[in-house]
């Protein structure tokens, strides 16, 4: 399947907006070394809820073609950050906070999976009632 130029542009625009949002949250909510990385946790959790909502909306309402590249791949892909999550985890572990690092991994994984499910359920409920 050929990649369309329009789709690439949508991903790029969404990615820029998502990355800028993530940067703003990280700047507004810095965390000292050895502390819970709240900004990374928050953006990943928010992106998970939103991806569930958008996926649910797309499934139940057959969203326009541009929604997936702009919103899901672009904005939410730029907003969420697995690499920062991994770096935060390693930094905690190497800083002698192995228990906190483990808790961070477990809580983030469970919270994000539950958030996607919750977002999808909310979208399903909203769009099926219409």
N, C-alpha and C. Protein backbone atom coordinates (compact mmCIF):
# COMPACT_ATOMS: atom_id res chain seq x y z
N UNK A 1 0.84 -1.17 0.00
CA UNK A 1 0.00 0.00 0.00
C UNK A 1 0.89 1.24 0.00
N UNK A 2 0.65 2.11 -0.90
CA UNK A 2 1.46 3.33 -1.03
C UNK A 2 1.09 4.34 0.05
N UNK A 3 2.10 5.00 0.57
CA UNK A 3 1.88 6.05 1.56
C UNK A 3 1.49 7.32 0.82
N UNK A 4 0.42 7.93 1.26
CA UNK A 4 -0.03 9.16 0.61
C UNK A 4 0.63 10.36 1.26
N UNK A 5 0.98 11.33 0.45
CA UNK A 5 1.63 12.54 0.94
C UNK A 5 0.76 13.24 1.98
N UNK A 6 -0.52 13.26 1.75
CA UNK A 6 -1.43 13.90 2.70
C UNK A 6 -1.36 13.22 4.07
N UNK A 7 -1.29 11.90 4.08
CA UNK A 7 -1.20 11.17 5.34
C UNK A 7 0.10 11.49 6.06
N UNK A 8 1.19 11.58 5.32
CA UNK A 8 2.48 11.95 5.93
C UNK A 8 2.41 13.34 6.55
N UNK A 9 1.77 14.26 5.85
CA UNK A 9 1.63 15.62 6.37
C UNK A 9 0.77 15.62 7.64
N UNK A 10 -0.30 14.83 7.65
CA UNK A 10 -1.16 14.75 8.83
C UNK A 10 -0.41 14.17 10.02
N UNK A 11 0.37 13.11 9.79
CA UNK A 11 1.17 12.52 10.87
C UNK A 11 2.17 13.55 11.39
N UNK A 12 2.81 14.27 10.48
CA UNK A 12 3.82 15.27 10.88
C UNK A 12 3.20 16.39 11.72
N UNK A 13 2.07 16.91 11.27
CA UNK A 13 1.41 17.99 12.01
C UNK A 13 0.96 17.49 13.39
N UNK A 14 0.33 16.34 13.41
CA UNK A 14 -0.10 15.77 14.69
C UNK A 14 1.07 15.48 15.60
N UNK A 15 2.15 14.94 15.04
CA UNK A 15 3.34 14.63 15.83
C UNK A 15 3.97 15.86 16.44
N UNK A 16 4.04 16.93 15.67
CA UNK A 16 4.59 18.19 16.20
C UNK A 16 3.73 18.68 17.37
N UNK A 17 2.42 18.68 17.19
CA UNK A 17 1.53 19.16 18.25
C UNK A 17 1.60 18.27 19.49
N UNK A 18 1.64 16.96 19.29
CA UNK A 18 1.74 16.05 20.43
C UNK A 18 3.06 16.18 21.16
N UNK A 19 4.15 16.30 20.41
CA UNK A 19 5.47 16.46 21.02
C UNK A 19 5.58 17.77 21.78
N UNK A 20 5.04 18.84 21.21
CA UNK A 20 5.06 20.12 21.90
C UNK A 20 4.24 20.07 23.19
N UNK A 21 3.12 19.38 23.14
CA UNK A 21 2.30 19.22 24.34
C UNK A 21 3.07 18.43 25.41
N UNK A 22 3.71 17.34 24.99
CA UNK A 22 4.50 16.54 25.94
C UNK A 22 5.62 17.38 26.54
N UNK A 23 6.29 18.16 25.71
CA UNK A 23 7.37 19.03 26.20
C UNK A 23 6.84 20.04 27.21
N UNK A 24 5.69 20.63 26.92
CA UNK A 24 5.10 21.61 27.83
C UNK A 24 4.75 20.98 29.17
N UNK A 25 4.19 19.79 29.14
CA UNK A 25 3.85 19.10 30.39
C UNK A 25 5.13 18.77 31.16
N UNK A 26 6.15 18.27 30.47
CA UNK A 26 7.41 17.95 31.13
C UNK A 26 8.08 19.16 31.74
N UNK A 27 7.95 20.30 31.10
CA UNK A 27 8.51 21.54 31.62
C UNK A 27 7.71 22.05 32.81
N UNK A 28 6.40 21.91 32.74
CA UNK A 28 5.53 22.39 33.81
C UNK A 28 5.58 21.50 35.05
N UNK A 29 5.88 20.22 34.85
CA UNK A 29 5.88 19.26 35.95
C UNK A 29 7.21 18.52 35.99
N UNK A 30 8.29 19.22 36.33
CA UNK A 30 9.60 18.54 36.39
C UNK A 30 9.65 17.62 37.61
N UNK A 31 10.52 16.63 37.55
CA UNK A 31 10.68 15.78 38.72
C UNK A 31 12.16 15.65 39.07
N UNK A 32 12.45 15.76 40.35
CA UNK A 32 13.85 15.62 40.77
C UNK A 32 14.31 14.17 40.61
N UNK A 33 15.59 13.98 40.52
CA UNK A 33 16.15 12.63 40.39
C UNK A 33 15.67 11.77 41.55
N UNK A 34 15.25 10.57 41.23
CA UNK A 34 14.80 9.64 42.26
C UNK A 34 13.34 9.75 42.62
N UNK A 35 12.63 10.69 42.00
CA UNK A 35 11.20 10.88 42.29
C UNK A 35 10.35 10.27 41.17
N UNK A 36 9.10 10.04 41.49
CA UNK A 36 8.15 9.50 40.50
C UNK A 36 8.06 10.48 39.33
N UNK A 37 8.24 10.00 38.10
CA UNK A 37 8.19 10.89 36.93
C UNK A 37 6.74 11.20 36.52
N UNK A 38 6.12 12.11 37.23
CA UNK A 38 4.70 12.40 37.03
C UNK A 38 4.37 12.89 35.63
N UNK A 39 5.20 13.69 35.03
CA UNK A 39 4.89 14.22 33.69
C UNK A 39 4.82 13.09 32.67
N UNK A 40 5.80 12.21 32.68
CA UNK A 40 5.81 11.09 31.74
C UNK A 40 4.60 10.19 31.99
N UNK A 41 4.34 9.91 33.26
CA UNK A 41 3.19 9.08 33.62
C UNK A 41 1.90 9.73 33.12
N UNK A 42 1.76 11.03 33.34
CA UNK A 42 0.54 11.75 32.96
C UNK A 42 0.32 11.76 31.45
N UNK A 43 1.36 12.04 30.68
CA UNK A 43 1.16 12.09 29.22
C UNK A 43 0.86 10.70 28.67
N UNK A 44 1.51 9.68 29.21
CA UNK A 44 1.22 8.32 28.73
C UNK A 44 -0.18 7.88 29.10
N UNK A 45 -0.63 8.24 30.30
CA UNK A 45 -1.98 7.90 30.72
C UNK A 45 -3.02 8.67 29.89
N UNK A 46 -2.79 9.96 29.70
CA UNK A 46 -3.71 10.77 28.89
C UNK A 46 -3.78 10.25 27.46
N UNK A 47 -2.63 9.94 26.89
CA UNK A 47 -2.61 9.41 25.51
C UNK A 47 -3.35 8.09 25.44
N UNK A 48 -3.25 7.27 26.47
CA UNK A 48 -3.94 5.98 26.48
C UNK A 48 -5.45 6.16 26.52
N UNK A 49 -5.93 7.04 27.37
CA UNK A 49 -7.38 7.31 27.42
C UNK A 49 -7.85 7.85 26.07
N UNK A 50 -7.12 8.79 25.54
CA UNK A 50 -7.52 9.41 24.27
C UNK A 50 -7.46 8.43 23.11
N UNK A 51 -6.45 7.56 23.08
CA UNK A 51 -6.39 6.59 21.99
C UNK A 51 -7.57 5.62 22.10
N UNK A 52 -7.98 5.29 23.32
CA UNK A 52 -9.16 4.46 23.49
C UNK A 52 -10.42 5.15 22.99
N UNK A 53 -10.56 6.43 23.33
CA UNK A 53 -11.71 7.20 22.85
C UNK A 53 -11.74 7.29 21.33
N UNK A 54 -10.59 7.63 20.76
CA UNK A 54 -10.53 7.80 19.30
C UNK A 54 -10.74 6.46 18.60
N UNK A 55 -10.13 5.40 19.12
CA UNK A 55 -10.31 4.08 18.51
C UNK A 55 -11.77 3.65 18.61
N UNK A 56 -12.38 3.89 19.76
CA UNK A 56 -13.79 3.56 19.92
C UNK A 56 -14.67 4.37 18.99
N UNK A 57 -14.37 5.65 18.89
CA UNK A 57 -15.11 6.52 17.97
C UNK A 57 -14.95 6.03 16.53
N UNK A 58 -13.71 5.74 16.16
CA UNK A 58 -13.44 5.30 14.78
C UNK A 58 -14.17 4.00 14.48
N UNK A 59 -14.23 3.10 15.45
CA UNK A 59 -14.89 1.82 15.23
C UNK A 59 -16.40 1.98 15.13
N UNK A 60 -16.97 2.73 16.04
CA UNK A 60 -18.42 2.83 16.09
C UNK A 60 -19.00 3.83 15.10
N UNK A 61 -18.23 4.82 14.72
CA UNK A 61 -18.76 5.85 13.82
C UNK A 61 -18.02 5.93 12.49
N UNK A 62 -17.15 5.01 12.24
CA UNK A 62 -16.40 5.02 10.99
C UNK A 62 -15.84 6.41 10.70
N UNK A 63 -14.89 6.79 11.50
CA UNK A 63 -14.30 8.13 11.44
C UNK A 63 -13.71 8.43 10.07
N UNK A 64 -13.60 9.69 9.78
CA UNK A 64 -12.98 10.14 8.54
C UNK A 64 -11.55 9.61 8.44
N UNK A 65 -11.07 9.48 7.24
CA UNK A 65 -9.75 8.91 6.98
C UNK A 65 -8.63 9.66 7.70
N UNK A 66 -8.76 10.95 7.85
CA UNK A 66 -7.68 11.76 8.41
C UNK A 66 -7.52 11.59 9.92
N UNK A 67 -8.51 11.03 10.61
CA UNK A 67 -8.44 10.92 12.07
C UNK A 67 -7.27 10.06 12.52
N UNK A 68 -7.09 8.91 11.91
CA UNK A 68 -6.02 8.01 12.35
C UNK A 68 -4.64 8.62 12.17
N UNK A 69 -4.26 9.11 10.97
CA UNK A 69 -2.91 9.66 10.84
C UNK A 69 -2.69 10.94 11.66
N UNK A 70 -3.67 11.81 11.72
CA UNK A 70 -3.49 13.08 12.44
C UNK A 70 -3.55 12.88 13.95
N UNK A 71 -4.59 12.23 14.42
CA UNK A 71 -4.83 12.15 15.86
C UNK A 71 -4.10 10.97 16.51
N UNK A 72 -4.33 9.76 16.00
CA UNK A 72 -3.76 8.59 16.67
C UNK A 72 -2.26 8.47 16.44
N UNK A 73 -1.85 8.36 15.19
CA UNK A 73 -0.42 8.19 14.92
C UNK A 73 0.35 9.46 15.20
N UNK A 74 -0.17 10.60 14.77
CA UNK A 74 0.54 11.86 14.92
C UNK A 74 0.49 12.42 16.33
N UNK A 75 -0.65 12.99 16.72
CA UNK A 75 -0.74 13.68 18.01
C UNK A 75 -0.49 12.75 19.19
N UNK A 76 -1.23 11.65 19.25
CA UNK A 76 -1.10 10.77 20.42
C UNK A 76 0.23 10.02 20.41
N UNK A 77 0.75 9.72 19.21
CA UNK A 77 2.09 9.14 19.14
C UNK A 77 3.15 10.11 19.61
N UNK A 78 2.98 11.38 19.29
CA UNK A 78 3.92 12.40 19.75
C UNK A 78 3.76 12.72 21.22
N UNK A 79 2.54 12.62 21.72
CA UNK A 79 2.27 12.91 23.13
C UNK A 79 2.83 11.82 24.04
N UNK A 80 2.58 10.58 23.69
CA UNK A 80 3.05 9.49 24.54
C UNK A 80 4.54 9.26 24.30
N UNK A 81 5.19 8.63 25.27
CA UNK A 81 6.64 8.47 25.13
C UNK A 81 7.13 7.23 25.85
N UNK A 82 7.38 6.19 25.09
CA UNK A 82 7.94 4.98 25.69
C UNK A 82 9.40 5.17 26.04
N UNK A 83 10.12 5.92 25.24
CA UNK A 83 11.55 6.10 25.50
C UNK A 83 11.78 6.84 26.82
N UNK A 84 11.01 7.89 27.10
CA UNK A 84 11.17 8.60 28.37
C UNK A 84 10.77 7.70 29.53
N UNK A 85 9.74 6.90 29.34
CA UNK A 85 9.32 5.93 30.35
C UNK A 85 10.48 4.97 30.66
N UNK A 86 11.13 4.47 29.62
CA UNK A 86 12.26 3.55 29.81
C UNK A 86 13.43 4.24 30.51
N UNK A 87 13.76 5.45 30.08
CA UNK A 87 14.86 6.19 30.70
C UNK A 87 14.54 6.49 32.17
N UNK A 88 13.33 6.92 32.45
CA UNK A 88 12.93 7.20 33.83
C UNK A 88 13.06 5.94 34.69
N UNK A 89 12.65 4.81 34.15
CA UNK A 89 12.73 3.54 34.88
C UNK A 89 14.18 3.17 35.19
N UNK A 90 15.03 3.24 34.18
CA UNK A 90 16.45 2.91 34.37
C UNK A 90 17.10 3.89 35.35
N UNK A 91 16.78 5.17 35.23
CA UNK A 91 17.34 6.18 36.13
C UNK A 91 16.96 5.89 37.58
N UNK A 92 15.70 5.54 37.80
CA UNK A 92 15.27 5.20 39.16
C UNK A 92 16.03 3.98 39.67
N UNK A 93 16.12 2.94 38.85
CA UNK A 93 16.80 1.71 39.27
C UNK A 93 18.28 1.95 39.54
N UNK A 94 18.94 2.66 38.65
CA UNK A 94 20.37 2.93 38.84
C UNK A 94 20.63 3.88 40.00
N UNK A 95 19.63 4.66 40.38
CA UNK A 95 19.76 5.58 41.51
C UNK A 95 19.43 4.93 42.84
N UNK A 96 19.34 3.61 42.85
CA UNK A 96 19.06 2.91 44.10
C UNK A 96 17.59 2.84 44.46
N UNK A 97 16.73 3.14 43.51
CA UNK A 97 15.27 3.14 43.76
C UNK A 97 14.61 2.02 42.96
N UNK A 98 15.15 0.80 43.09
CA UNK A 98 14.65 -0.34 42.32
C UNK A 98 13.17 -0.62 42.60
N UNK A 99 12.77 -0.52 43.85
CA UNK A 99 11.36 -0.77 44.19
C UNK A 99 10.45 0.27 43.52
N UNK A 100 10.87 1.52 43.53
CA UNK A 100 10.08 2.57 42.89
C UNK A 100 10.06 2.36 41.37
N UNK A 101 11.18 1.96 40.80
CA UNK A 101 11.25 1.68 39.36
C UNK A 101 10.29 0.55 38.99
N UNK A 102 10.28 -0.50 39.80
CA UNK A 102 9.39 -1.63 39.55
C UNK A 102 7.93 -1.19 39.67
N UNK A 103 7.63 -0.43 40.71
CA UNK A 103 6.26 0.07 40.88
C UNK A 103 5.85 0.95 39.70
N UNK A 104 6.77 1.77 39.24
CA UNK A 104 6.50 2.66 38.10
C UNK A 104 6.15 1.85 36.85
N UNK A 105 6.91 0.79 36.59
CA UNK A 105 6.64 -0.06 35.43
C UNK A 105 5.27 -0.72 35.56
N UNK A 106 5.01 -1.32 36.70
CA UNK A 106 3.75 -2.05 36.91
C UNK A 106 2.55 -1.10 36.86
N UNK A 107 2.63 -0.01 37.59
CA UNK A 107 1.51 0.94 37.64
C UNK A 107 1.26 1.56 36.27
N UNK A 108 2.33 1.95 35.58
CA UNK A 108 2.17 2.56 34.26
C UNK A 108 1.52 1.58 33.29
N UNK A 109 2.02 0.35 33.27
CA UNK A 109 1.48 -0.65 32.34
C UNK A 109 0.00 -0.89 32.61
N UNK A 110 -0.33 -1.18 33.86
CA UNK A 110 -1.72 -1.48 34.20
C UNK A 110 -2.61 -0.26 33.96
N UNK A 111 -2.18 0.90 34.41
CA UNK A 111 -2.98 2.12 34.26
C UNK A 111 -3.24 2.44 32.79
N UNK A 112 -2.23 2.30 31.95
CA UNK A 112 -2.40 2.64 30.53
C UNK A 112 -3.30 1.64 29.82
N UNK A 113 -3.18 0.36 30.13
CA UNK A 113 -4.06 -0.63 29.52
C UNK A 113 -5.51 -0.40 29.97
N UNK A 114 -5.70 -0.16 31.25
CA UNK A 114 -7.04 0.13 31.76
C UNK A 114 -7.58 1.42 31.13
N UNK A 115 -6.72 2.41 30.96
CA UNK A 115 -7.14 3.69 30.37
C UNK A 115 -7.61 3.51 28.93
N UNK A 116 -6.91 2.70 28.15
CA UNK A 116 -7.35 2.44 26.77
C UNK A 116 -8.71 1.76 26.79
N UNK A 117 -8.86 0.76 27.64
CA UNK A 117 -10.14 0.07 27.76
C UNK A 117 -11.26 1.00 28.20
N UNK A 118 -10.97 1.86 29.16
CA UNK A 118 -11.97 2.81 29.63
C UNK A 118 -12.35 3.80 28.54
N UNK A 119 -11.36 4.31 27.82
CA UNK A 119 -11.63 5.23 26.73
C UNK A 119 -12.49 4.60 25.65
N UNK A 120 -12.17 3.36 25.32
CA UNK A 120 -12.95 2.64 24.31
C UNK A 120 -14.38 2.41 24.79
N UNK A 121 -14.53 2.04 26.06
CA UNK A 121 -15.86 1.80 26.62
C UNK A 121 -16.70 3.08 26.64
N UNK A 122 -16.08 4.19 27.00
CA UNK A 122 -16.79 5.47 27.01
C UNK A 122 -17.23 5.84 25.59
N UNK A 123 -16.32 5.69 24.64
CA UNK A 123 -16.67 6.00 23.24
C UNK A 123 -17.81 5.11 22.77
N UNK A 124 -17.73 3.84 23.09
CA UNK A 124 -18.79 2.92 22.67
C UNK A 124 -20.13 3.34 23.27
N UNK A 125 -20.11 3.67 24.52
CA UNK A 125 -21.36 4.07 25.18
C UNK A 125 -21.93 5.35 24.57
N UNK A 126 -21.07 6.34 24.34
CA UNK A 126 -21.52 7.61 23.77
C UNK A 126 -22.06 7.41 22.36
N UNK A 127 -21.30 6.72 21.52
CA UNK A 127 -21.66 6.65 20.10
C UNK A 127 -22.77 5.67 19.82
N UNK A 128 -22.95 4.67 20.67
CA UNK A 128 -24.06 3.74 20.45
C UNK A 128 -25.39 4.37 20.84
N UNK A 129 -25.36 5.36 21.71
CA UNK A 129 -26.59 6.01 22.14
C UNK A 129 -27.09 7.01 21.11
N UNK A 130 -26.26 7.37 20.17
CA UNK A 130 -26.66 8.38 19.18
C UNK A 130 -27.33 7.75 18.00
